[in-house]
């Protein structure tokens, strides 16, 4: 068997805006809004928390709760995540707990029940469903990150309107919005969102923008009547900020982990260039010949949705996956291909060998190889020597090591903690060792 290519660590530098005190920015946005004129003194306020791994979401949520209390209001958290968490109250409560959001940590009740009320019908004749707890509150604060969606492009993608229509639709509402696939989704998000803004008690939107280093870049308070106008501008801003792979063409891309804490699709299509959505073309860049993913993150609780974006994986990932949440997600979203399990190999070394054998290069040494920890953290990459010219030509890339052998043990396992000690996985492993 040929030798695996040597690799070197590359740092991708991002110079972007950053909010040093996101919690303080949230408090300021609430106090600067007209929320006190929209909700009676002592009124109940539903604050949305979704299934995405937003940076500092526990502190941000606590700041929102504390500020609303200081205004004489009675906030509670509502789990607004459509069908995620297996489409159950227990699963959704467990998901936000993994983000550090519990009744004790945020200082208010958490309501994750799946019951909805039917408020009307959309233009396709399908019911518009809405979380019962949020509907019965005196006001609703839509707290969510705005960023490009992983499945479609439109004026409204992942953000406040999606939280309102799909997150607060719970499993039933999410299913109705997704019923007609991407064409229906692009039409129904603004349509159902407009209806819900007019027929529910949305009192404020709190939009979070993140930079390419996945820290808070901006917090924007938006009055409900301005959401439809303001959110598209913030989406454009977010699209310009997001992290991307700095290469147009890669022969072999190895991703350490996928997971819901990194992307709603496990592997972010905006990063890897693959959509794998029925009838939809892939993105124009990067073009990846062979893509492999080695593990599903602990935080994803076995939900390996997105594994279908890869060509190869490991037997241990297949053993770790929980088919139930994947099934619920796929049947709710109507995107089925992303849950297809690719070819699985016994070890990481076997996966690497198969990728190099099948990446359309005559020799392993010719392959343009890139390794990354996940599709969220893109500041540190490892590349093969075939990428030297690309790295040297890029103003934001810099080599940090010489080329060295891949750290693979006698069992054929790649040491991801050694490669990416600053990643989510590296910090998780470090914490486990210290305990």
Protein backbone atom coordinates (compact mmCIF):
# COMPACT_ATOMS: atom_id res chain seq x y z
CA UNK A 1 0.00 0.00 0.00
CA UNK A 2 1.38 3.48 -0.82
CA UNK A 3 2.25 5.85 2.00
CA UNK A 4 -0.37 8.36 3.07
CA UNK A 5 0.48 11.93 2.01
CA UNK A 6 2.28 14.15 4.51
CA UNK A 7 0.20 17.06 5.81
CA UNK A 8 0.84 20.55 7.20
CA UNK A 9 -1.32 22.82 9.34
CA UNK A 10 -2.72 25.95 7.74
CA UNK A 11 -4.33 28.86 9.57
CA UNK A 12 -7.14 30.73 7.86
CA UNK A 13 -7.32 34.28 9.16
CA UNK A 14 -10.60 36.14 9.37
CA UNK A 15 -10.78 39.90 9.93
CA UNK A 16 -14.41 40.56 10.71
CA UNK A 17 -16.66 42.39 13.18
CA UNK A 18 -17.07 40.92 16.64
CA UNK A 19 -19.30 41.79 19.61
CA UNK A 20 -17.29 41.49 22.81
CA UNK A 21 -20.37 41.37 25.06
CA UNK A 22 -23.23 39.59 23.23
CA UNK A 23 -25.30 39.34 26.41
CA UNK A 24 -25.02 43.09 26.94
CA UNK A 25 -25.94 43.69 23.29
CA UNK A 26 -29.07 41.56 23.71
CA UNK A 27 -30.08 43.49 26.83
CA UNK A 28 -29.53 46.79 25.03
CA UNK A 29 -31.60 45.66 22.03
CA UNK A 30 -34.53 44.71 24.24
CA UNK A 31 -34.42 47.89 26.30
CA UNK A 32 -34.19 49.98 23.14
CA UNK A 33 -37.26 48.35 21.61
CA UNK A 34 -40.97 49.11 21.98
CA UNK A 35 -41.68 45.81 23.72
CA UNK A 36 -43.06 47.45 26.89
CA UNK A 37 -45.79 49.10 24.84
CA UNK A 38 -46.74 45.77 23.24
CA UNK A 39 -47.06 43.55 26.33
CA UNK A 40 -48.99 44.46 29.51
CA UNK A 41 -47.11 44.70 32.80
CA UNK A 42 -46.65 41.25 34.28
CA UNK A 43 -47.46 39.63 30.93
CA UNK A 44 -46.02 36.32 29.84
CA UNK A 45 -43.39 36.29 27.09
CA UNK A 46 -42.40 33.25 25.02
CA UNK A 47 -38.69 33.43 24.09
CA UNK A 48 -37.70 31.07 21.28
CA UNK A 49 -34.67 28.78 21.45
CA UNK A 50 -33.92 26.53 18.49
CA UNK A 51 -31.75 23.53 17.73
CA UNK A 52 -28.73 25.33 16.29
CA UNK A 53 -25.41 25.65 18.10
CA UNK A 54 -25.37 29.44 18.28
CA UNK A 55 -22.25 30.81 19.98
CA UNK A 56 -22.96 31.71 23.61
CA UNK A 57 -26.66 30.92 23.27
CA UNK A 58 -26.92 30.05 26.98
CA UNK A 59 -25.60 33.48 28.04
CA UNK A 60 -27.59 35.25 25.34
CA UNK A 61 -30.80 33.52 26.43
CA UNK A 62 -30.15 34.29 30.10
CA UNK A 63 -29.58 37.95 29.23
CA UNK A 64 -32.88 38.07 27.33
CA UNK A 65 -34.73 36.48 30.24
CA UNK A 66 -33.14 38.74 32.86
CA UNK A 67 -33.82 41.89 30.82
CA UNK A 68 -37.46 40.96 30.24
CA UNK A 69 -37.84 40.34 33.97
CA UNK A 70 -36.32 43.75 34.70
CA UNK A 71 -39.06 45.27 32.55
CA UNK A 72 -41.73 43.65 34.72
CA UNK A 73 -42.50 40.79 32.34
CA UNK A 74 -42.67 37.03 32.93
CA UNK A 75 -40.61 35.21 30.32
CA UNK A 76 -40.48 31.50 29.58
CA UNK A 77 -38.47 29.55 27.00
CA UNK A 78 -40.24 27.69 24.23
CA UNK A 79 -38.35 25.02 22.29
CA UNK A 80 -38.82 26.19 18.69
CA UNK A 81 -37.20 23.57 16.51
CA UNK A 82 -39.81 21.96 14.29
CA UNK A 83 -39.17 18.21 14.16
CA UNK A 84 -35.70 18.18 15.69
CA UNK A 85 -35.02 16.26 18.88
CA UNK A 86 -36.91 13.33 17.40
CA UNK A 87 -40.07 15.44 17.27
CA UNK A 88 -40.74 14.90 20.99
CA UNK A 89 -40.90 17.25 23.99
CA UNK A 90 -38.30 15.18 25.82
CA UNK A 91 -35.94 15.24 22.85
CA UNK A 92 -36.26 18.98 22.34
CA UNK A 93 -35.78 19.72 26.03
CA UNK A 94 -32.66 17.53 25.98
CA UNK A 95 -31.31 19.35 22.91
CA UNK A 96 -31.45 22.80 24.45
CA UNK A 97 -30.04 21.41 27.70
CA UNK A 98 -26.94 20.43 25.74
CA UNK A 99 -26.57 24.11 24.84
CA UNK A 100 -26.54 24.89 28.57
CA UNK A 101 -30.16 26.03 28.63
CA UNK A 102 -32.06 24.59 31.57
CA UNK A 103 -34.66 26.11 33.87
CA UNK A 104 -31.95 26.54 36.51
CA UNK A 105 -29.42 28.15 34.15
CA UNK A 106 -31.77 30.68 32.54
CA UNK A 107 -34.00 31.30 35.54
CA UNK A 108 -37.39 30.66 33.98
CA UNK A 109 -39.68 27.81 32.88
CA UNK A 110 -38.99 25.84 29.70
CA UNK A 111 -41.95 24.58 27.68
CA UNK A 112 -41.20 22.03 25.03
CA UNK A 113 -44.61 20.42 24.50
CA UNK A 114 -45.42 19.60 20.89
CA UNK A 115 -49.10 20.68 20.93
CA UNK A 116 -50.10 23.22 18.29
CA UNK A 117 -53.16 25.26 17.37
CA UNK A 118 -54.39 25.62 13.79
CA UNK A 119 -54.63 29.30 12.87
CA UNK A 120 -55.60 29.11 9.20
CA UNK A 121 -54.58 27.61 5.87
CA UNK A 122 -51.92 28.58 3.35
CA UNK A 123 -52.40 29.15 -0.38
CA UNK A 124 -51.97 25.40 -1.02
CA UNK A 125 -54.82 24.61 1.35
CA UNK A 126 -52.51 23.18 4.02
CA UNK A 127 -53.06 24.05 7.69
CA UNK A 128 -50.95 26.69 9.42
CA UNK A 129 -50.00 25.24 12.81
CA UNK A 130 -48.45 27.17 15.70
CA UNK A 131 -47.04 26.27 19.11
CA UNK A 132 -49.82 26.39 21.69
CA UNK A 133 -47.64 27.76 24.49
CA UNK A 134 -46.37 30.63 22.34
CA UNK A 135 -49.86 31.37 21.04
CA UNK A 136 -51.27 31.66 24.56
CA UNK A 137 -48.48 33.99 25.75
CA UNK A 138 -49.00 37.75 25.94
CA UNK A 139 -46.01 38.27 23.66
CA UNK A 140 -43.36 36.41 21.68
CA UNK A 141 -39.67 37.26 21.31
CA UNK A 142 -38.14 35.60 18.25
CA UNK A 143 -34.52 34.92 19.17
CA UNK A 144 -32.49 33.32 16.40
CA UNK A 145 -29.40 33.54 14.24
CA UNK A 146 -29.74 34.72 10.64
CA UNK A 147 -27.58 32.85 8.14
CA UNK A 148 -27.80 31.22 4.71
CA UNK A 149 -29.93 28.08 4.61
CA UNK A 150 -28.35 24.73 3.86
CA UNK A 151 -30.95 23.71 1.25
CA UNK A 152 -32.20 26.69 -0.72
CA UNK A 153 -31.61 30.34 -1.61
CA UNK A 154 -34.24 33.03 -1.20
CA UNK A 155 -35.04 36.37 0.40
CA UNK A 156 -35.68 34.59 3.70
CA UNK A 157 -33.58 31.60 4.70
CA UNK A 158 -32.48 30.62 8.22
CA UNK A 159 -33.59 33.38 10.56
CA UNK A 160 -36.52 34.95 12.34
CA UNK A 161 -39.15 34.10 9.74
CA UNK A 162 -38.05 30.46 9.65
CA UNK A 163 -38.13 30.33 13.45
CA UNK A 164 -41.68 31.71 13.37
CA UNK A 165 -43.05 29.43 10.65
CA UNK A 166 -41.11 26.18 11.14
CA UNK A 167 -39.62 26.34 14.64
CA UNK A 168 -42.85 27.47 16.29
CA UNK A 169 -44.83 25.27 13.93
CA UNK A 170 -43.40 22.31 15.85
CA UNK A 171 -43.37 18.98 14.04
CA UNK A 172 -46.78 19.39 12.39
CA UNK A 173 -46.20 22.96 11.22
CA UNK A 174 -42.73 22.15 9.91
CA UNK A 175 -44.15 19.23 7.94
CA UNK A 176 -46.76 21.44 6.27
CA UNK A 177 -44.25 24.13 5.26
CA UNK A 178 -41.90 21.48 3.82
CA UNK A 179 -44.69 19.49 2.18
CA UNK A 180 -44.11 20.74 -1.35
CA UNK A 181 -40.31 20.60 -1.27
CA UNK A 182 -38.04 23.49 -2.15
CA UNK A 183 -40.45 25.39 -4.42
CA UNK A 184 -43.08 25.29 -1.70
CA UNK A 185 -40.59 26.20 1.01
CA UNK A 186 -39.36 29.29 -0.84
CA UNK A 187 -42.98 30.42 -1.33
CA UNK A 188 -44.39 29.46 2.06
CA UNK A 189 -41.73 30.98 4.31
CA UNK A 190 -42.69 34.58 3.45
CA UNK A 191 -46.36 33.74 2.98
CA UNK A 192 -46.90 31.87 6.24
CA UNK A 193 -44.47 34.18 8.02
CA UNK A 194 -46.47 37.24 6.98
CA UNK A 195 -49.67 35.56 8.13
CA UNK A 196 -48.19 34.69 11.52
CA UNK A 197 -46.75 38.16 12.05
CA UNK A 198 -50.27 39.50 11.56
CA UNK A 199 -52.07 36.84 13.59
CA UNK A 200 -49.82 36.11 16.56
CA UNK A 201 -48.35 38.28 19.32
CA UNK A 202 -44.80 38.68 18.07
CA UNK A 203 -43.42 41.57 20.10
CA UNK A 204 -39.78 41.66 19.07
CA UNK A 205 -37.19 39.95 16.89
CA UNK A 206 -33.65 39.48 18.19
CA UNK A 207 -31.41 38.67 15.23
CA UNK A 208 -27.91 37.33 15.82
CA UNK A 209 -25.26 37.47 13.11
CA UNK A 210 -22.08 35.44 13.45
CA UNK A 211 -18.73 35.91 11.75
CA UNK A 212 -16.56 33.27 10.10
CA UNK A 213 -14.97 32.40 13.44
CA UNK A 214 -18.47 31.57 14.75
CA UNK A 215 -18.54 34.34 17.33
CA UNK A 216 -21.20 37.04 17.54
CA UNK A 217 -20.69 39.74 14.93
CA UNK A 218 -23.86 41.71 15.57
CA UNK A 219 -27.12 41.68 17.56
CA UNK A 220 -30.07 43.50 16.04
CA UNK A 221 -33.43 44.17 17.65
CA UNK A 222 -36.21 44.31 15.05
CA UNK A 223 -39.76 45.49 15.63
CA UNK A 224 -42.28 42.93 14.32
CA UNK A 225 -43.63 45.19 11.58
CA UNK A 226 -40.08 45.62 10.23
CA UNK A 227 -38.99 41.96 10.14
CA UNK A 228 -40.09 41.32 6.54
CA UNK A 229 -38.10 44.32 5.32
CA UNK A 230 -35.00 44.07 7.53
CA UNK A 231 -34.30 40.32 7.56
CA UNK A 232 -33.25 40.05 3.86
CA UNK A 233 -30.62 42.76 4.38
CA UNK A 234 -29.26 40.95 7.41
CA UNK A 235 -29.18 37.70 5.43
CA UNK A 236 -27.00 39.37 2.79
CA UNK A 237 -24.71 40.63 5.54
CA UNK A 238 -24.51 37.17 7.09
CA UNK A 239 -23.75 35.56 3.73
CA UNK A 240 -20.77 37.89 3.31
CA UNK A 241 -19.49 36.99 6.81
CA UNK A 242 -19.76 33.22 6.74
CA UNK A 243 -16.71 30.99 6.72
CA UNK A 244 -15.89 29.00 3.61
CA UNK A 245 -13.23 26.62 2.40
CA UNK A 246 -10.57 28.72 0.64
CA UNK A 247 -10.09 26.29 -2.26
CA UNK A 248 -12.09 25.87 -5.46
CA UNK A 249 -11.17 22.24 -6.15
CA UNK A 250 -10.32 19.41 -3.73
CA UNK A 251 -9.68 15.78 -4.62
CA UNK A 252 -10.11 14.38 -1.11
CA UNK A 253 -11.89 16.20 1.71
CA UNK A 254 -11.83 14.52 5.13
CA UNK A 255 -14.24 15.91 7.75
CA UNK A 256 -13.67 14.76 11.31
CA UNK A 257 -17.22 15.10 12.59
CA UNK A 258 -20.69 15.94 11.40
CA UNK A 259 -23.51 16.93 13.72
CA UNK A 260 -26.52 19.12 14.35
CA UNK A 261 -24.32 21.34 16.54
CA UNK A 262 -22.30 22.23 13.44
CA UNK A 263 -25.09 22.56 10.87
CA UNK A 264 -28.75 21.74 10.58
CA UNK A 265 -27.65 19.39 7.81
CA UNK A 266 -24.76 17.91 9.79
CA UNK A 267 -22.32 18.92 7.03
CA UNK A 268 -22.94 22.48 5.85
CA UNK A 269 -23.55 22.43 2.07
CA UNK A 270 -22.43 26.06 1.88
CA UNK A 271 -18.98 24.88 2.96
CA UNK A 272 -18.58 21.55 1.14
CA UNK A 273 -20.38 22.61 -2.06
CA UNK A 274 -22.73 19.62 -2.08
CA UNK A 275 -26.50 20.05 -1.76
CA UNK A 276 -27.80 16.54 -2.51
CA UNK A 277 -31.37 17.82 -2.65
CA UNK A 278 -33.74 16.26 -5.15
CA UNK A 279 -33.88 18.28 -8.43
CA UNK A 280 -31.31 20.81 -7.17
CA UNK A 281 -27.75 21.23 -8.56
CA UNK A 282 -24.73 21.35 -6.29
CA UNK A 283 -23.05 24.66 -5.55
CA UNK A 284 -20.42 26.01 -7.94
CA UNK A 285 -17.57 25.82 -5.42
CA UNK A 286 -15.78 24.02 -4.01
CA UNK A 287 -15.80 21.00 -6.31
CA UNK A 288 -14.96 17.96 -4.17
CA UNK A 289 -14.26 14.66 -5.89
CA UNK A 290 -14.21 12.44 -2.82
CA UNK A 291 -15.68 13.41 0.58
CA UNK A 292 -15.48 11.34 3.77
CA UNK A 293 -16.72 11.95 7.31
CA UNK A 294 -15.31 9.95 10.20
CA UNK A 295 -17.62 10.53 13.21
CA UNK A 296 -20.93 11.93 14.41
CA UNK A 297 -20.52 14.44 17.26
CA UNK A 298 -21.55 13.53 20.79
CA UNK A 299 -23.77 16.63 20.85
CA UNK A 300 -25.79 15.33 17.89
CA UNK A 301 -26.99 12.36 19.96
CA UNK A 302 -26.73 9.91 17.07
CA UNK A 303 -28.49 12.14 14.56
CA UNK A 304 -26.16 11.68 11.59
CA UNK A 305 -28.35 13.56 9.13
CA UNK A 306 -26.04 14.80 6.39
CA UNK A 307 -24.02 11.60 6.21
CA UNK A 308 -25.56 11.16 2.76
CA UNK A 309 -23.49 14.11 1.57
CA UNK A 310 -20.36 11.99 2.00
CA UNK A 311 -19.01 9.24 -0.24
CA UNK A 312 -17.35 7.23 2.52
CA UNK A 313 -17.55 6.89 6.29
CA UNK A 314 -16.45 4.63 9.12
CA UNK A 315 -18.09 1.59 10.64
CA UNK A 316 -18.05 3.33 14.04
CA UNK A 317 -20.10 6.25 12.71
CA UNK A 318 -22.66 3.79 11.36
CA UNK A 319 -22.78 2.02 14.72
CA UNK A 320 -23.26 5.36 16.51
CA UNK A 321 -26.13 6.69 14.40
CA UNK A 322 -29.67 6.75 15.72
CA UNK A 323 -32.08 6.24 12.81
CA UNK A 324 -35.12 7.67 14.62
CA UNK A 325 -34.24 11.41 14.61
CA UNK A 326 -32.82 11.05 11.09
CA UNK A 327 -36.09 9.50 9.93
CA UNK A 328 -38.16 12.23 11.60
CA UNK A 329 -36.01 15.00 10.10
CA UNK A 330 -36.09 13.56 6.59
CA UNK A 331 -39.78 12.74 6.49
CA UNK A 332 -40.59 16.20 7.86
CA UNK A 333 -38.28 18.13 5.51
CA UNK A 334 -38.97 15.90 2.47
CA UNK A 335 -35.21 15.83 1.72
CA UNK A 336 -34.37 12.12 1.79
CA UNK A 337 -30.98 11.74 0.11
CA UNK A 338 -29.02 13.34 2.94
CA UNK A 339 -29.76 10.41 5.23
CA UNK A 340 -28.44 7.72 2.89
CA UNK A 341 -25.56 5.91 4.55
CA UNK A 342 -22.48 5.86 2.28
CA UNK A 343 -19.86 3.12 1.94
CA UNK A 344 -18.47 2.36 5.41
CA UNK A 345 -14.95 1.13 6.12
CA UNK A 346 -13.50 -0.46 9.28
CA UNK A 347 -10.89 2.22 10.11
CA UNK A 348 -9.93 5.80 9.33
CA UNK A 349 -6.88 4.51 7.46
CA UNK A 350 -9.17 2.39 5.29
CA UNK A 351 -11.36 5.40 4.56
CA UNK A 352 -8.35 7.52 3.60
CA UNK A 353 -6.99 4.76 1.37
CA UNK A 354 -10.34 4.32 -0.38
CA UNK A 355 -10.63 8.09 -0.94
CA UNK A 356 -7.14 8.29 -2.39
CA UNK A 357 -7.71 5.21 -4.56
CA UNK A 358 -10.91 6.61 -6.07
CA UNK A 359 -10.28 10.38 -6.33
CA UNK A 360 -9.31 10.15 -10.02
CA UNK A 361 -5.59 10.67 -9.50
CA UNK A 362 -2.98 8.20 -10.79
CA UNK A 363 -0.95 8.31 -7.56
CA UNK A 364 -1.85 9.06 -3.95
CA UNK A 365 0.89 11.68 -3.87
CA UNK A 366 -0.92 13.67 -6.57
CA UNK A 367 -4.17 14.08 -4.61
CA UNK A 368 -5.24 17.53 -3.41
CA UNK A 369 -6.07 16.56 0.17
CA UNK A 370 -7.70 18.71 2.88
CA UNK A 371 -8.68 17.77 6.44
CA UNK A 372 -10.99 19.84 8.66
CA UNK A 373 -12.56 19.16 12.06
CA UNK A 374 -16.16 19.96 10.99
CA UNK A 375 -17.89 22.38 8.64
CA UNK A 376 -18.33 25.07 11.31
CA UNK A 377 -14.75 25.63 12.51
CA UNK A 378 -12.66 26.55 9.49
CA UNK A 379 -9.80 28.48 11.06
CA UNK A 380 -7.46 25.47 11.12
CA UNK A 381 -6.99 23.12 8.17
CA UNK A 382 -4.44 20.45 7.31
CA UNK A 383 -3.42 20.05 3.68
CA UNK A 384 -1.15 17.89 1.53
CA UNK A 385 1.88 19.24 -0.33
CA UNK A 386 -0.16 19.47 -3.53
CA UNK A 387 -1.94 22.49 -1.98
CA UNK A 388 1.19 24.57 -1.38
CA UNK A 389 0.68 26.94 -4.30
CA UNK A 390 -2.98 27.50 -3.34
CA UNK A 391 -2.04 28.34 0.26
CA UNK A 392 0.82 30.64 -0.68
CA UNK A 393 -1.35 32.51 -3.20
CA UNK A 394 -4.15 33.18 -0.69
CA UNK A 395 -3.78 36.38 1.37
CA UNK A 396 -5.58 34.92 4.40
CA UNK A 397 -3.79 31.56 4.58
CA UNK A 398 -0.51 30.79 6.33
CA UNK A 399 1.41 27.57 6.96
CA UNK A 400 2.04 26.93 10.66
CA UNK A 401 3.98 23.64 10.49
CA UNK A 402 6.22 21.65 8.23
CA UNK A 403 4.76 18.63 6.44
CA UNK A 404 4.47 15.69 8.84
CA UNK A 405 2.93 12.20 8.83
CA UNK A 406 -0.74 11.89 9.68
CA UNK A 407 -1.18 10.93 13.36
CA UNK A 408 -2.73 7.48 12.88
CA UNK A 409 -2.37 4.84 15.61
CA UNK A 410 -1.82 1.10 15.28
CA UNK A 411 -5.58 0.56 15.08
CA UNK A 412 -5.88 2.82 12.04
CA UNK A 413 -7.56 5.69 13.93
CA UNK A 414 -6.76 9.30 13.04
CA UNK A 415 -5.98 11.41 16.15
CA UNK A 416 -8.38 14.29 15.57
CA UNK A 417 -7.61 15.79 18.99
CA UNK A 418 -3.95 16.20 18.03
CA UNK A 419 -4.85 17.77 14.69
CA UNK A 420 -7.56 20.08 16.02
CA UNK A 421 -7.08 20.68 19.77
CA UNK A 422 -9.02 23.98 19.62
CA UNK A 423 -12.09 22.42 17.98
CA UNK A 424 -15.35 21.46 19.69
CA UNK A 425 -14.17 17.86 19.72
CA UNK A 426 -10.74 18.80 21.05
CA UNK A 427 -12.22 20.83 23.90
CA UNK A 428 -14.68 18.04 24.65
CA UNK A 429 -11.90 15.48 24.84
CA UNK A 430 -9.71 17.77 26.92
CA UNK A 431 -12.53 18.31 29.41
CA UNK A 432 -13.15 14.58 29.65
CA UNK A 433 -9.47 13.95 30.36
CA UNK A 434 -9.40 16.58 33.07
CA UNK A 435 -12.38 14.98 34.77
